[in-house]
Amino acid sequence: MIDLHDIKKSFGDVHVLKGISLHVDSKEQCVILGSSGSGKSTLLYILGTLDKASSGQILIDQKDLGKMNDEQLALFRNENIGFVFQFHFLLPSITCEQNILLPPRISGKSLAPYKELTEMLAKYLGVTHCLKKYPYQISGGEQQRINIIRALILKPAILLCDEPTGNLDSKNSQKVVSLLKDLSLELGSTLIVVTHDQKVASQFSRKITIEDGQLIS
């Protein structure tokens, strides 16, 4: 599914990634572990086409992302990659249901089947009562669960999570990670979670550790 070959990323004289090569199988679940400033989030953004590598090659499902223009990358990202961030980035001026349905709306798809999936996932995550509310009317934990539904609504081939439990206590962190693992398994998505939290990392059998822009394990 994902092949990275000698990925490097620099910002001026600062070398953030120093030659990352990595393979992740389709439907695999893994965690990228590293301290603040290690380069783990930069790697995730490059994987998710939100940033571009300075050099190296990225293949996703045998497609070379380096050969795509910005418009092609945006389309590829919307249809194939779901994101869960530490902060939910829900639009405050529309309801939670409308936030969830933004990806299929942007893709020009009929919304009917995605409304059914929204209702199913909302029931699964216990946030059905939030769908008609605005983000500011619900709790932080509920906002994060709405964020997760939005990330999964197009059944993405890849689900990327950047510190998804950063604002949660230990008990809720474990719940969120379990939900991400269960839902990605049910929908057939490859799951990659970036964290600095060893307790989060302990829930994954495959751990990829980055230190100072290099893979150390």
Protein backbone atom coordinates (compact mmCIF):
# COMPACT_ATOMS: atom_id res chain seq x y z
CA MET A 1 0.00 0.00 0.00
CA ILE A 2 2.61 2.59 1.12
CA ASP A 3 6.26 2.70 0.07
CA LEU A 4 8.61 5.50 1.08
CA HIS A 5 12.09 5.62 -0.44
CA ASP A 6 14.79 7.86 1.09
CA ILE A 7 12.39 10.66 2.07
CA LYS A 8 14.18 13.86 3.08
CA LYS A 9 12.67 17.15 4.21
CA SER A 10 14.51 20.37 4.95
CA PHE A 11 13.41 23.84 5.96
CA GLY A 12 16.35 26.00 4.93
CA ASP A 13 19.37 24.64 6.80
CA VAL A 14 17.24 22.58 9.17
CA HIS A 15 17.07 18.91 8.11
CA VAL A 16 13.89 17.48 9.60
CA LEU A 17 13.82 14.11 7.80
CA LYS A 18 17.13 12.55 6.88
CA GLY A 19 16.31 9.68 4.55
CA ILE A 20 13.24 7.71 5.65
CA SER A 21 12.48 4.44 3.89
CA LEU A 22 9.40 2.56 5.01
CA HIS A 23 6.80 0.03 3.84
CA VAL A 24 3.27 -0.29 5.26
CA ASP A 25 0.93 -3.03 4.04
CA SER A 26 -2.68 -2.50 3.08
CA LYS A 27 -5.00 -2.61 6.14
CA GLU A 28 -2.02 -2.65 8.50
CA GLN A 29 -2.26 -0.81 11.83
CA CYS A 30 0.88 0.84 13.15
CA VAL A 31 2.12 3.68 15.32
CA ILE A 32 4.91 6.18 14.63
CA LEU A 33 6.51 7.03 17.92
CA GLY A 34 8.87 9.90 18.67
CA SER A 35 9.50 12.86 20.93
CA SER A 36 8.60 16.44 20.04
CA GLY A 37 10.76 17.63 17.13
CA SER A 38 11.69 14.13 15.99
CA GLY A 39 10.07 14.59 12.57
CA LYS A 40 7.14 12.21 13.06
CA SER A 41 4.40 14.74 12.29
CA THR A 42 6.30 16.06 9.27
CA LEU A 43 6.46 12.50 7.95
CA LEU A 44 2.71 12.11 8.48
CA TYR A 45 1.94 15.35 6.62
CA ILE A 46 4.08 14.21 3.70
CA LEU A 47 2.32 10.83 3.70
CA GLY A 48 -1.02 12.64 3.66
CA THR A 49 0.05 14.96 0.78
CA LEU A 50 -0.37 18.02 3.04
CA ASP A 51 3.35 18.71 2.56
CA LYS A 52 5.93 17.72 -0.02
CA ALA A 53 9.27 16.01 0.54
CA SER A 54 12.46 17.80 -0.46
CA SER A 55 13.59 14.58 -2.12
CA GLY A 56 12.74 10.89 -2.27
CA GLN A 57 9.81 8.90 -3.61
CA ILE A 58 6.36 8.15 -2.18
CA LEU A 59 4.23 5.39 -3.69
CA ILE A 60 0.70 4.77 -2.46
CA ASP A 61 -1.06 1.86 -4.11
CA GLN A 62 1.70 2.01 -6.75
CA LYS A 63 0.86 5.65 -7.58
CA ASP A 64 3.85 8.02 -7.52
CA LEU A 65 2.67 11.09 -5.60
CA GLY A 66 5.68 13.08 -6.79
CA LYS A 67 4.31 13.01 -10.33
CA MET A 68 0.95 14.56 -9.35
CA ASN A 69 0.18 18.27 -9.56
CA ASP A 70 -1.57 20.13 -6.73
CA GLU A 71 -5.05 19.56 -8.16
CA GLN A 72 -4.44 15.83 -8.61
CA LEU A 73 -3.02 15.60 -5.07
CA ALA A 74 -6.06 17.36 -3.60
CA LEU A 75 -8.42 14.94 -5.36
CA PHE A 76 -6.33 11.93 -4.34
CA ARG A 77 -6.22 13.16 -0.73
CA ASN A 78 -9.96 13.75 -0.47
CA GLU A 79 -10.88 10.35 -1.89
CA ASN A 80 -8.19 8.17 -0.31
CA ILE A 81 -6.95 9.66 2.95
CA GLY A 82 -8.76 10.47 6.18
CA PHE A 83 -7.21 12.67 8.87
CA VAL A 84 -7.73 12.81 12.61
CA PHE A 85 -5.78 15.61 14.29
CA GLN A 86 -5.29 16.57 17.92
CA PHE A 87 -7.56 19.56 17.24
CA HIS A 88 -10.80 18.77 15.46
CA PHE A 89 -10.95 21.70 12.95
CA LEU A 90 -14.74 21.50 12.70
CA LEU A 91 -16.31 24.50 10.96
CA PRO A 92 -18.31 26.41 13.60
CA SER A 93 -20.89 27.87 11.20
CA ILE A 94 -22.42 24.54 10.11
CA THR A 95 -23.86 21.60 12.02
CA CYS A 96 -21.87 18.54 12.98
CA GLU A 97 -23.69 16.48 10.35
CA GLN A 98 -22.83 19.05 7.68
CA ASN A 99 -19.19 18.98 8.81
CA ILE A 100 -19.15 15.20 8.45
CA LEU A 101 -20.65 15.37 4.95
CA LEU A 102 -18.13 17.91 3.63
CA PRO A 103 -15.78 15.32 2.02
CA PRO A 104 -18.49 13.65 -0.14
CA ARG A 105 -19.99 17.07 -0.92
CA ILE A 106 -16.59 18.32 -2.13
CA SER A 107 -16.26 15.19 -4.27
CA GLY A 108 -19.65 15.84 -5.87
CA LYS A 109 -21.10 12.57 -4.62
CA SER A 110 -24.74 11.87 -3.80
CA LEU A 111 -25.11 12.47 -0.05
CA ALA A 112 -27.85 9.92 0.67
CA PRO A 113 -25.63 6.86 1.31
CA TYR A 114 -23.21 8.96 3.36
CA LYS A 115 -26.04 10.22 5.54
CA GLU A 116 -26.87 6.58 6.31
CA LEU A 117 -23.21 5.87 7.16
CA THR A 118 -23.09 9.02 9.30
CA GLU A 119 -26.08 7.84 11.32
CA MET A 120 -24.57 4.37 11.73
CA LEU A 121 -21.19 5.67 12.91
CA ALA A 122 -22.79 8.30 15.14
CA LYS A 123 -24.83 5.60 16.85
CA TYR A 124 -21.71 3.44 17.21
CA LEU A 125 -19.79 6.33 18.81
CA GLY A 126 -22.69 7.60 20.89
CA VAL A 127 -23.02 11.03 19.27
CA THR A 128 -26.34 10.76 17.42
CA HIS A 129 -27.67 13.60 19.59
CA CYS A 130 -24.86 15.86 18.31
CA LEU A 131 -25.57 15.65 14.57
CA LYS A 132 -28.00 18.58 14.37
CA LYS A 133 -26.00 20.70 16.81
CA TYR A 134 -23.17 23.11 16.05
CA PRO A 135 -19.65 22.20 17.21
CA TYR A 136 -19.66 24.86 19.96
CA GLN A 137 -22.77 23.24 21.46
CA ILE A 138 -21.08 19.91 22.25
CA SER A 139 -18.18 18.80 24.46
CA GLY A 140 -14.56 18.38 23.39
CA GLY A 141 -14.82 14.60 23.50
CA GLU A 142 -17.93 14.69 21.34
CA GLN A 143 -16.22 17.04 18.88
CA GLN A 144 -13.33 14.56 18.54
CA ARG A 145 -15.76 11.72 17.81
CA ILE A 146 -17.49 13.85 15.15
CA ASN A 147 -14.00 14.50 13.74
CA ILE A 148 -13.37 10.75 13.57
CA ILE A 149 -16.65 10.17 11.69
CA ARG A 150 -15.74 12.90 9.18
CA ALA A 151 -12.34 11.28 8.66
CA LEU A 152 -13.96 7.91 7.96
CA ILE A 153 -17.01 9.00 5.96
CA LEU A 154 -15.51 8.23 2.52
CA LYS A 155 -14.13 4.91 3.81
CA PRO A 156 -10.56 6.04 3.09
CA ALA A 157 -7.89 3.57 2.12
CA ILE A 158 -5.59 5.29 4.63
CA LEU A 159 -6.43 6.83 8.00
CA LEU A 160 -3.73 9.15 9.40
CA CYS A 161 -3.91 10.34 13.00
CA ASP A 162 -1.64 13.02 14.45
CA GLU A 163 -1.64 12.95 18.26
CA PRO A 164 -5.39 12.13 18.28
CA THR A 165 -5.39 11.71 22.08
CA GLY A 166 -3.28 14.77 22.90
CA ASN A 167 -6.14 16.58 24.64
CA LEU A 168 -7.60 13.54 26.40
CA ASP A 169 -6.97 11.85 29.73
CA SER A 170 -5.53 8.34 29.89
CA LYS A 171 -8.88 6.54 30.09
CA ASN A 172 -10.40 8.38 27.13
CA SER A 173 -7.14 8.08 25.17
CA GLN A 174 -7.39 4.30 25.31
CA LYS A 175 -11.04 4.46 24.22
CA VAL A 176 -10.26 6.67 21.21
CA VAL A 177 -7.39 4.46 20.06
CA SER A 178 -9.56 1.36 20.41
CA LEU A 179 -12.30 3.06 18.38
CA LEU A 180 -9.84 4.05 15.65
CA LYS A 181 -8.50 0.51 15.46
CA ASP A 182 -11.95 -1.11 15.43
CA LEU A 183 -13.42 1.28 12.85
CA SER A 184 -10.41 1.15 10.51
CA LEU A 185 -10.52 -2.65 10.67
CA GLU A 186 -14.25 -2.67 9.93
CA LEU A 187 -13.88 -0.25 7.00
CA GLY A 188 -10.68 -1.85 5.67
CA SER A 189 -8.46 1.21 6.15
CA THR A 190 -4.72 1.26 6.75
CA LEU A 191 -4.22 3.00 10.11
CA ILE A 192 -1.16 5.07 11.02
CA VAL A 193 -1.11 6.91 14.35
CA VAL A 194 1.60 9.43 15.31
CA THR A 195 2.18 9.91 19.04
CA HIS A 196 4.75 10.59 21.73
CA ASP A 197 2.68 8.65 24.27
CA GLN A 198 4.08 5.22 25.16
CA LYS A 199 0.69 4.11 26.50
CA VAL A 200 -0.92 4.81 23.13
CA ALA A 201 1.95 3.07 21.33
CA SER A 202 1.56 -0.01 23.53
CA GLN A 203 -1.81 -0.70 21.87
CA PHE A 204 -0.11 -1.43 18.52
CA SER A 205 1.89 -4.50 17.56
CA ARG A 206 4.01 -2.56 15.04
CA LYS A 207 5.87 0.45 16.38
CA ILE A 208 7.98 2.68 14.12
CA THR A 209 10.31 4.91 16.13
CA ILE A 210 11.78 8.15 14.77
CA GLU A 211 14.57 10.06 16.42
CA ASP A 212 16.17 13.20 15.02
CA GLY A 213 14.65 12.65 11.58
CA GLN A 214 15.79 9.04 11.23
CA LEU A 215 14.19 5.65 11.77
CA ILE A 216 15.80 3.90 14.73
CA SER A 217 13.46 0.90 14.91
